[in-house]
Protein backbone atom coordinates (compact mmCIF):
# COMPACT_ATOMS: atom_id res chain seq x y z
CA MET A 1 -35.77 -1.65 9.56
CA THR A 2 -33.93 -4.67 10.92
CA SER A 3 -36.38 -7.40 9.89
CA ALA A 4 -35.74 -9.77 7.03
CA GLY A 5 -37.49 -8.84 3.80
CA LYS A 6 -37.38 -5.11 4.52
CA THR A 7 -35.70 -2.44 2.44
CA LEU A 8 -32.79 -0.46 3.89
CA ARG A 9 -32.33 3.04 2.53
CA LEU A 10 -28.64 3.89 2.31
CA GLY A 11 -26.67 7.10 2.30
CA VAL A 12 -23.09 6.57 1.14
CA ALA A 13 -20.55 9.14 2.30
CA GLY A 14 -17.30 8.84 0.37
CA LEU A 15 -17.12 7.70 -3.25
CA GLY A 16 -13.48 6.74 -3.66
CA THR A 17 -12.28 3.31 -4.73
CA VAL A 18 -14.30 1.49 -2.08
CA GLY A 19 -17.41 3.67 -2.46
CA GLY A 20 -17.48 3.12 -6.20
CA GLY A 21 -16.96 -0.61 -5.71
CA LEU A 22 -19.82 -0.74 -3.22
CA LEU A 23 -22.26 0.98 -5.58
CA LYS A 24 -21.37 -1.50 -8.30
CA LEU A 25 -21.88 -4.42 -5.92
CA ILE A 26 -25.25 -3.09 -4.78
CA GLU A 27 -26.34 -2.98 -8.41
CA ARG A 28 -25.74 -6.76 -8.47
CA GLN A 29 -27.47 -7.51 -5.17
CA ALA A 30 -29.92 -9.89 -6.85
CA GLU A 31 -26.96 -12.25 -7.28
CA LEU A 32 -26.12 -12.10 -3.57
CA ARG A 33 -27.70 -13.74 -0.52
CA LEU A 34 -29.14 -10.74 1.28
CA PRO A 35 -32.13 -11.11 3.64
CA GLY A 36 -33.68 -7.94 2.26
CA LYS A 37 -33.20 -5.16 -0.27
CA LEU A 38 -30.67 -2.32 -0.28
CA GLU A 39 -31.63 0.98 -1.86
CA VAL A 40 -29.07 3.75 -2.27
CA VAL A 41 -30.93 7.00 -1.70
CA ALA A 42 -28.16 9.58 -1.38
CA VAL A 43 -24.42 10.05 -1.75
CA SER A 44 -21.78 12.55 -0.71
CA ALA A 45 -18.20 13.14 -1.79
CA ARG A 46 -15.72 15.94 -2.35
CA ASN A 47 -16.07 15.88 -6.14
CA LYS A 48 -19.48 15.53 -7.78
CA THR A 49 -18.24 15.26 -11.38
CA ARG A 50 -15.50 12.67 -11.03
CA ASN A 51 -15.98 9.57 -13.15
CA ARG A 52 -16.47 6.62 -10.82
CA GLY A 53 -17.59 4.07 -13.38
CA VAL A 54 -21.13 4.12 -11.99
CA ASP A 55 -24.06 6.51 -12.54
CA ILE A 56 -24.64 8.60 -9.41
CA SER A 57 -27.06 11.06 -11.01
CA LYS A 58 -30.03 9.01 -9.77
CA PHE A 59 -29.05 9.57 -6.14
CA LYS A 60 -29.64 12.68 -4.09
CA TRP A 61 -26.38 14.60 -3.73
CA PHE A 62 -25.10 16.15 -0.48
CA ASP A 63 -22.02 18.36 -0.42
CA ASP A 64 -21.86 17.90 3.35
CA PRO A 65 -21.85 14.27 4.59
CA VAL A 66 -23.22 15.42 7.95
CA GLU A 67 -26.36 16.67 6.21
CA LEU A 68 -26.59 13.30 4.49
CA ALA A 69 -26.41 11.59 7.88
CA LEU A 70 -29.27 13.73 9.20
CA SER A 71 -31.55 13.16 6.21
CA PRO A 72 -34.90 11.59 7.25
CA ASP A 73 -34.88 9.61 3.99
CA ILE A 74 -31.96 7.46 5.12
CA ASP A 75 -31.88 4.43 7.46
CA VAL A 76 -28.20 3.56 7.19
CA VAL A 77 -25.11 5.71 6.75
CA VAL A 78 -22.16 4.03 5.05
CA GLU A 79 -19.09 6.04 6.04
CA LEU A 80 -16.22 5.67 3.58
CA VAL A 81 -14.76 9.15 4.00
CA GLY A 82 -11.71 8.07 6.02
CA GLY A 83 -9.63 9.87 8.61
CA SER A 84 -9.87 9.76 12.38
CA ASP A 85 -11.41 13.22 12.75
CA GLY A 86 -13.09 15.89 10.64
CA PRO A 87 -16.02 15.04 8.35
CA ALA A 88 -15.85 11.30 9.01
CA LYS A 89 -16.19 11.61 12.76
CA ARG A 90 -18.89 14.29 12.56
CA THR A 91 -20.86 12.19 10.07
CA VAL A 92 -20.75 9.06 12.20
CA GLU A 93 -21.69 10.98 15.35
CA ALA A 94 -24.60 12.70 13.62
CA ALA A 95 -25.93 9.40 12.30
CA LEU A 96 -25.69 7.62 15.65
CA ARG A 97 -27.33 10.48 17.54
CA SER A 98 -30.20 10.18 15.06
CA GLY A 99 -30.49 6.49 15.84
CA LYS A 100 -29.33 5.49 12.35
CA ALA A 101 -27.21 2.44 11.70
CA VAL A 102 -23.61 3.12 10.66
CA VAL A 103 -21.40 0.87 8.57
CA SER A 104 -17.82 2.10 8.30
CA ALA A 105 -14.51 1.06 6.77
CA ASN A 106 -12.66 3.66 8.83
CA LYS A 107 -9.99 1.93 10.92
CA ALA A 108 -8.44 5.21 12.13
CA LEU A 109 -11.76 6.44 13.49
CA ILE A 110 -12.49 3.20 15.37
CA ALA A 111 -8.95 2.86 16.72
CA GLU A 112 -8.61 6.44 17.92
CA HIS A 113 -12.20 7.22 19.00
CA GLY A 114 -13.63 3.74 19.49
CA MET A 115 -14.71 4.17 23.10
CA GLU A 116 -16.47 7.46 22.41
CA ILE A 117 -18.44 6.39 19.36
CA ALA A 118 -19.18 2.91 20.73
CA ALA A 119 -20.75 4.54 23.80
CA LEU A 120 -22.75 6.82 21.51
CA ALA A 121 -24.03 3.87 19.49
CA GLU A 122 -25.02 2.02 22.67
CA LYS A 123 -26.79 5.06 24.09
CA HIS A 124 -28.96 5.38 20.99
CA GLU A 125 -29.28 1.61 20.43
CA ALA A 126 -27.85 2.03 16.93
CA HIS A 127 -25.78 -0.40 14.91
CA LEU A 128 -22.09 0.48 14.48
CA LEU A 129 -20.39 -2.10 12.27
CA PHE A 130 -16.86 -1.92 10.84
CA GLU A 131 -15.85 -5.29 9.39
CA ALA A 132 -14.24 -3.50 6.44
CA ALA A 133 -11.90 -1.59 8.74
CA VAL A 134 -9.69 -4.66 9.33
CA ALA A 135 -8.22 -7.07 6.77
CA GLY A 136 -10.57 -6.37 3.86
CA ALA A 137 -12.43 -9.48 2.78
CA ILE A 138 -11.33 -11.56 5.79
CA PRO A 139 -14.32 -11.54 8.20
CA ILE A 140 -12.04 -11.29 11.21
CA VAL A 141 -13.94 -8.65 13.21
CA ARG A 142 -17.13 -10.70 13.12
CA ALA A 143 -15.22 -13.90 13.82
CA VAL A 144 -13.50 -12.53 16.93
CA LYS A 145 -16.56 -10.63 18.17
CA ASN A 146 -19.17 -13.32 17.59
CA SER A 147 -17.96 -16.71 16.39
CA LEU A 148 -15.03 -16.82 18.83
CA SER A 149 -16.77 -15.17 21.78
CA GLY A 150 -16.42 -18.49 23.63
CA VAL A 151 -12.64 -18.54 23.21
CA ILE A 152 -10.23 -17.21 25.84
CA VAL A 153 -7.91 -15.38 23.44
CA SER A 154 -4.22 -15.20 24.32
CA ARG A 155 -2.87 -13.62 21.14
CA VAL A 156 -4.01 -12.05 17.89
CA SER A 157 -1.30 -11.52 15.28
CA GLY A 158 -0.78 -11.30 11.59
CA ILE A 159 -0.03 -9.40 8.43
CA LEU A 160 -2.53 -6.56 8.30
CA ASN A 161 -1.12 -4.27 5.63
CA GLY A 162 -1.01 -5.49 2.05
CA THR A 163 1.19 -2.62 0.87
CA CYS A 164 4.01 -3.53 3.25
CA ASN A 165 3.63 -7.23 2.55
CA TYR A 166 3.84 -6.63 -1.19
CA ILE A 167 6.97 -4.50 -0.79
CA LEU A 168 8.77 -7.00 1.44
CA SER A 169 7.74 -9.93 -0.78
CA GLU A 170 8.98 -8.19 -3.92
CA MET A 171 12.24 -7.14 -2.29
CA LEU A 172 12.87 -10.81 -1.51
CA ARG A 173 11.80 -12.02 -4.95
CA THR A 174 13.69 -9.45 -7.03
CA GLY A 175 16.48 -8.23 -4.76
CA ALA A 176 15.47 -4.67 -5.60
CA ALA A 177 15.87 -1.76 -3.21
CA TYR A 178 13.01 -0.54 -1.03
CA GLU A 179 12.59 2.70 -3.01
CA THR A 180 12.39 0.82 -6.32
CA VAL A 181 9.74 -1.62 -5.10
CA LEU A 182 7.74 1.16 -3.42
CA ALA A 183 7.61 3.08 -6.72
CA GLU A 184 6.35 -0.07 -8.48
CA ALA A 185 3.74 -0.62 -5.77
CA GLN A 186 2.49 2.93 -6.31
CA ARG A 187 2.33 2.37 -10.07
CA LEU A 188 0.27 -0.80 -9.57
CA GLY A 189 -2.05 0.87 -7.07
CA TYR A 190 -0.89 -1.19 -4.06
CA ALA A 191 0.55 1.92 -2.41
CA GLU A 192 -0.85 5.43 -2.11
CA SER A 193 0.95 8.44 -3.60
CA ASP A 194 1.69 9.31 0.02
CA PRO A 195 2.48 5.86 1.49
CA PHE A 196 3.45 7.07 4.98
CA LEU A 197 0.51 5.58 6.91
CA ASP A 198 1.17 2.17 5.37
CA VAL A 199 4.97 1.94 5.43
CA SER A 200 5.27 3.55 8.86
CA GLY A 201 3.15 0.76 10.37
CA GLY A 202 0.35 3.14 11.38
CA ASP A 203 -2.32 1.47 9.28
CA ALA A 204 -1.55 -1.98 10.72
CA ALA A 205 -1.47 -0.47 14.22
CA HIS A 206 -5.01 0.88 13.86
CA LYS A 207 -6.22 -2.54 12.76
CA VAL A 208 -4.55 -4.62 15.46
CA LEU A 209 -5.79 -2.23 18.15
CA ILE A 210 -9.37 -2.78 16.99
CA LEU A 211 -8.88 -6.55 17.17
CA ALA A 212 -7.24 -6.23 20.60
CA ALA A 213 -10.15 -4.24 21.97
CA ILE A 214 -12.63 -6.90 20.87
CA ALA A 215 -10.51 -9.96 21.65
CA PHE A 216 -9.49 -8.88 25.15
CA GLY A 217 -12.37 -6.66 26.23
CA ALA A 218 -9.95 -3.74 26.35
CA GLN A 219 -10.39 -0.02 25.94
CA PRO A 220 -8.66 0.96 22.67
CA ASP A 221 -5.77 3.31 23.45
CA PHE A 222 -3.75 4.09 20.33
CA ALA A 223 -1.09 5.99 22.28
CA GLN A 224 0.01 2.70 23.87
CA VAL A 225 0.66 0.86 20.59
CA GLN A 226 4.34 0.42 19.72
CA VAL A 227 4.76 1.10 16.02
CA GLU A 228 7.70 0.55 13.71
CA GLY A 229 7.54 0.51 9.92
CA ILE A 230 9.46 -1.04 7.04
CA ASP A 231 11.05 2.05 5.52
CA ARG A 232 14.48 1.30 7.00
CA ILE A 233 14.61 -2.31 5.80
CA GLU A 234 17.24 -2.84 3.11
CA ALA A 235 17.38 -5.46 0.38
CA ILE A 236 20.57 -6.89 1.86
CA ASP A 237 18.76 -7.47 5.19
CA ILE A 238 16.09 -9.49 3.43
CA ALA A 239 18.66 -11.45 1.41
CA LEU A 240 20.81 -12.31 4.43
CA ALA A 241 17.77 -13.20 6.57
CA ASN A 242 16.77 -15.55 3.78
CA LYS A 243 20.17 -17.25 4.01
CA PHE A 244 19.34 -17.99 7.63
CA ASP A 245 16.01 -19.44 6.35
CA TYR A 246 13.98 -16.53 7.74
CA ARG A 247 11.57 -14.14 6.05
CA ILE A 248 11.04 -10.53 7.12
CA LYS A 249 7.38 -9.61 7.60
CA LEU A 250 5.59 -6.62 9.11
CA VAL A 251 3.74 -8.31 11.96
CA ALA A 252 1.01 -6.68 14.03
CA GLU A 253 0.18 -8.41 17.30
CA ALA A 254 -1.73 -8.08 20.55
CA PHE A 255 -1.14 -10.47 23.44
CA ARG A 256 -1.59 -10.89 27.16
CA ALA A 257 1.49 -10.15 29.28
CA ASN A 258 1.72 -9.72 33.05
CA GLY A 259 -1.92 -8.81 33.53
CA SER A 260 -2.09 -6.33 30.66
CA VAL A 261 -2.42 -6.41 26.88
CA ARG A 262 0.46 -5.34 24.66
CA CYS A 263 -0.03 -4.13 21.09
CA ARG A 264 2.87 -3.70 18.72
CA VAL A 265 3.67 -3.50 15.03
CA ALA A 266 7.17 -4.10 13.69
CA PRO A 267 9.10 -5.94 10.99
CA VAL A 268 10.20 -9.29 12.42
CA LEU A 269 11.95 -12.41 11.21
CA VAL A 270 9.78 -15.53 10.92
CA LYS A 271 11.10 -19.00 10.06
CA SER A 272 10.32 -20.18 6.52
CA ASP A 273 7.85 -22.77 7.85
CA HIS A 274 5.94 -20.25 9.99
CA PRO A 275 2.31 -19.73 8.86
CA LEU A 276 3.00 -16.08 7.99
CA ALA A 277 6.17 -16.76 5.98
CA SER A 278 4.30 -17.95 2.89
CA VAL A 279 1.77 -15.10 2.90
CA ASN A 280 3.07 -12.99 0.03
CA GLY A 281 2.05 -10.13 -2.21
CA ALA A 282 -0.85 -7.96 -1.08
CA LEU A 283 -2.51 -10.72 0.96
CA ASN A 284 -3.38 -10.36 4.64
CA ALA A 285 -3.37 -13.08 7.29
CA VAL A 286 -4.62 -13.13 10.88
CA MET A 287 -3.92 -15.76 13.53
CA VAL A 288 -6.11 -16.03 16.63
CA GLU A 289 -4.78 -18.17 19.48
CA GLY A 290 -6.64 -19.21 22.60
CA GLU A 291 -8.35 -21.89 24.64
CA PRO A 292 -9.87 -24.28 23.81
CA VAL A 293 -9.32 -23.99 20.04
CA GLY A 294 -5.55 -23.53 19.74
CA ARG A 295 -4.58 -21.48 16.68
CA LEU A 296 -6.89 -20.41 13.86
CA THR A 297 -5.49 -18.76 10.73
CA PHE A 298 -7.47 -16.56 8.35
CA THR A 299 -6.00 -15.52 4.98
CA GLY A 300 -7.29 -13.41 2.11
CA PRO A 301 -7.12 -10.13 0.21
CA GLY A 302 -6.88 -7.25 2.67
CA ALA A 303 -7.60 -4.20 0.55
CA GLY A 304 -8.99 -2.98 -2.75
CA ALA A 305 -12.40 -2.02 -4.06
CA GLY A 306 -13.80 -5.54 -4.32
CA PRO A 307 -12.67 -7.10 -1.01
CA THR A 308 -13.47 -4.01 1.06
CA ALA A 309 -16.84 -3.47 -0.60
CA ALA A 310 -17.67 -7.14 0.08
CA ALA A 311 -16.88 -6.59 3.77
CA VAL A 312 -19.15 -3.54 3.84
CA MET A 313 -21.87 -5.60 2.19
CA GLY A 314 -21.50 -8.25 4.89
CA ASP A 315 -22.18 -5.62 7.54
CA LEU A 316 -25.20 -4.35 5.62
CA ALA A 317 -26.59 -7.88 5.54
CA ARG A 318 -26.17 -8.04 9.34
CA LEU A 319 -28.54 -5.07 9.71
CA PHE A 320 -31.46 -7.26 8.66
CA GLU A 321 -30.85 -9.76 11.45
CA GLY A 322 -31.95 -7.94 14.58
CA PRO A 323 -31.17 -5.31 17.20
CA ALA A 324 -27.77 -3.70 17.62
CA THR A 325 -25.15 -5.26 19.88
CA PRO A 326 -22.19 -3.48 21.53
CA PRO A 327 -19.80 -2.44 18.72
CA LEU A 328 -16.67 -3.63 20.55
CA GLY A 329 -18.15 -6.89 21.80
CA LYS A 330 -18.71 -5.93 25.43
CA PRO A 331 -20.61 -2.79 26.45
CA SER A 332 -18.15 0.10 26.42
CA ARG A 333 -18.63 0.66 30.17
CA ASN A 334 -17.30 -2.87 30.80
CA LEU A 335 -14.13 -2.51 28.73
CA ALA A 336 -11.02 -2.39 30.91
CA PRO A 337 -7.92 -0.16 30.50
CA LEU A 338 -5.74 -3.20 29.79
CA ILE A 339 -3.61 -1.95 26.91
CA THR A 340 -0.20 -0.74 28.07
CA ALA A 341 3.06 0.05 26.31
CA ALA A 342 5.75 -2.62 26.45
CA ASP A 343 8.70 -2.10 28.77
CA GLY A 344 11.85 -2.29 26.65
CA THR A 345 13.95 -3.37 29.62
CA THR A 346 11.95 -6.58 29.94
CA ASP A 347 11.52 -7.25 26.20
CA GLN A 348 13.43 -10.53 25.95
CA GLY A 349 14.12 -12.47 22.79
CA SER A 350 16.50 -13.27 19.99
CA PHE A 351 17.32 -10.50 17.54
CA PHE A 352 18.62 -9.84 14.02
CA ILE A 353 21.18 -7.11 13.46
CA GLY A 354 21.80 -5.93 9.93
CA ALA A 355 24.48 -3.40 9.04
CA ARG A 356 27.41 -2.55 6.78
CA LEU A 357 30.74 -2.68 8.54
CA ALA A 358 33.13 0.16 7.90
CA ASP A 359 36.09 -1.05 5.81
CA LYS A 360 38.95 -0.56 8.25
CA PRO A 361 41.12 -2.93 10.32
CA GLY A 362 39.67 -4.24 13.58
CA THR A 363 36.08 -3.24 12.87
CA PHE A 364 34.61 -6.72 13.18
CA ALA A 365 36.46 -7.42 16.41
CA ALA A 366 35.34 -4.08 17.85
CA LEU A 367 31.71 -4.84 16.92
CA THR A 368 31.70 -8.23 18.61
CA GLU A 369 33.46 -6.71 21.62
CA GLN A 370 30.68 -4.13 22.07
CA LEU A 371 28.05 -6.85 21.83
CA GLY A 372 29.88 -8.98 24.35
CA ASP A 373 30.38 -6.10 26.78
CA ALA A 374 26.60 -5.48 26.70
CA GLY A 375 25.88 -9.13 27.44
CA VAL A 376 24.78 -10.03 23.91
CA SER A 377 25.88 -13.44 22.67
CA ILE A 378 26.10 -14.18 18.93
CA ASP A 379 24.26 -17.27 17.69
CA LYS A 380 24.90 -17.05 13.94
CA LEU A 381 26.66 -14.58 11.67
CA ILE A 382 27.06 -13.92 7.95
CA GLN A 383 29.51 -11.39 6.52
CA GLU A 384 29.51 -10.58 2.83
CA SER A 385 32.36 -9.12 0.80
CA ALA A 386 32.67 -5.35 0.79
CA GLY A 387 33.33 -5.38 -2.94
CA ASP A 388 33.60 -1.91 -4.43
CA SER A 389 31.28 -0.38 -1.84
CA GLY A 390 33.92 -0.10 0.86
CA ALA A 391 31.50 -1.52 3.44
CA ALA A 392 30.85 -5.19 4.19
CA PRO A 393 27.23 -6.28 4.73
CA ILE A 394 26.80 -8.28 7.91
CA ALA A 395 23.90 -10.07 9.56
CA ILE A 396 23.92 -11.33 13.13
CA LEU A 397 21.43 -13.52 14.98
CA THR A 398 21.70 -13.24 18.75
CA HIS A 399 20.97 -15.70 21.50
CA PRO A 400 18.02 -14.70 23.74
CA CYS A 401 18.75 -11.49 25.63
CA PRO A 402 17.04 -8.22 26.64
CA ARG A 403 16.39 -5.90 23.72
CA SER A 404 17.80 -3.08 25.82
CA ALA A 405 21.17 -4.88 25.90
CA VAL A 406 21.33 -4.96 22.09
CA GLU A 407 20.29 -1.33 21.90
CA THR A 408 23.05 -0.39 24.37
CA ALA A 409 25.64 -2.19 22.24
CA LEU A 410 24.43 -0.58 19.00
CA ALA A 411 24.49 2.87 20.57
CA ARG A 412 28.16 2.30 21.40
CA VAL A 413 28.76 0.98 17.85
CA ALA A 414 27.35 4.24 16.49
CA GLU A 415 29.61 6.31 18.76
CA LEU A 416 32.67 4.42 17.51
CA LYS A 417 31.51 4.72 13.88
CA LEU A 418 32.00 1.01 13.31
CA THR A 419 29.29 0.81 10.65
CA ALA A 420 28.80 2.75 7.43
CA ASP A 421 25.06 2.93 8.04
CA THR A 422 22.56 2.81 10.90
CA PRO A 423 22.16 -0.82 12.01
CA ARG A 424 18.72 -2.42 11.72
CA LEU A 425 17.51 -4.26 14.81
CA LEU A 426 14.66 -6.73 14.28
CA ARG A 427 13.05 -9.21 16.63
CA ILE A 428 13.07 -12.90 15.69
CA GLU A 429 9.77 -14.70 16.15
CA THR A 430 10.70 -17.91 17.93
CA ARG A 431 7.15 -19.20 18.29
CA ALA A 432 6.29 -21.74 15.57
């Protein structure tokens, strides 16, 4: 099955946007550079009659993807169902227990059950490949796992959610409110009808955890990932950050710190000349830093039928090359429990505070007093006119200090009702 020139018989579970795109790409495989032939034998989805732009009547149909996975006519199960549990997990487990290769685009499954299913794949000497789970067409999983296996990685970071990047980019370009740009993103197909997983940061968190596990030889532990989304970012925050020559980006990162690995996702300010500042629209970008290579940056489309299907196809091509290797780089038994939650009391840095000051005498002085009492020193400040709103937009950049000190000051600000809204606290990326 894994020798060049052979034919791989595929069962495709899940025929949504990516599944339909994959079937179309397989139809054009003669134009590609595959070592062998791919033959779709069977498919499974929730709706048999839905128009997917490709004829599925020639494939055997399974209502239950688990039955598809167990079919003796199939060598490889392509899991595009999605979700960390339920049918997706049962399908992958059934395929691996049968010794079948699995190719998946399911970042939630790998992030939340990676140890369990990696061990299952290793036990049955089955391929488990998931390039399409992270950053779409960017071959970052393979790069970190294989090409950069000789690099001592210190940090993996980047923009891993195209929906959020599109929203933040458009808010900067147009000055429109978050809700307006989100609605446009949904209309264009960049955002789901229920965008929570994207805008909450959860999608990016799944992806960076997968990269962290491979890059640092760490057991994936999703409960330890700090996650903050973009849904509280306001257009005025983006505009004022821009006046300071910063851009606001949702950055996912994993890095070594005090003998452990920290994973976090949050909107942060990056200087206009930072590599991530110019990554706009629905693009993704990943930076890998380590010895002896320094920094490597990968950029490309991170979602959509074409890019994701191309990533799946890359994994299918790998199946012709030889025996399975550990899915997470190292054998699962050798992965260490390195990933730990960050301690807010030791989270040092410079920060951005965005808020609208209540329109009453002494408010500004009271705000700066609370910051000073908490040990927070102001580096730069912009205050806009209140106009007819009755509240003056303000943006503050702090000197380096503990995050907990800023949080203490803002809690006191809330008690005194000094702002007309809930202040936004964002970290400033000081690394070039």
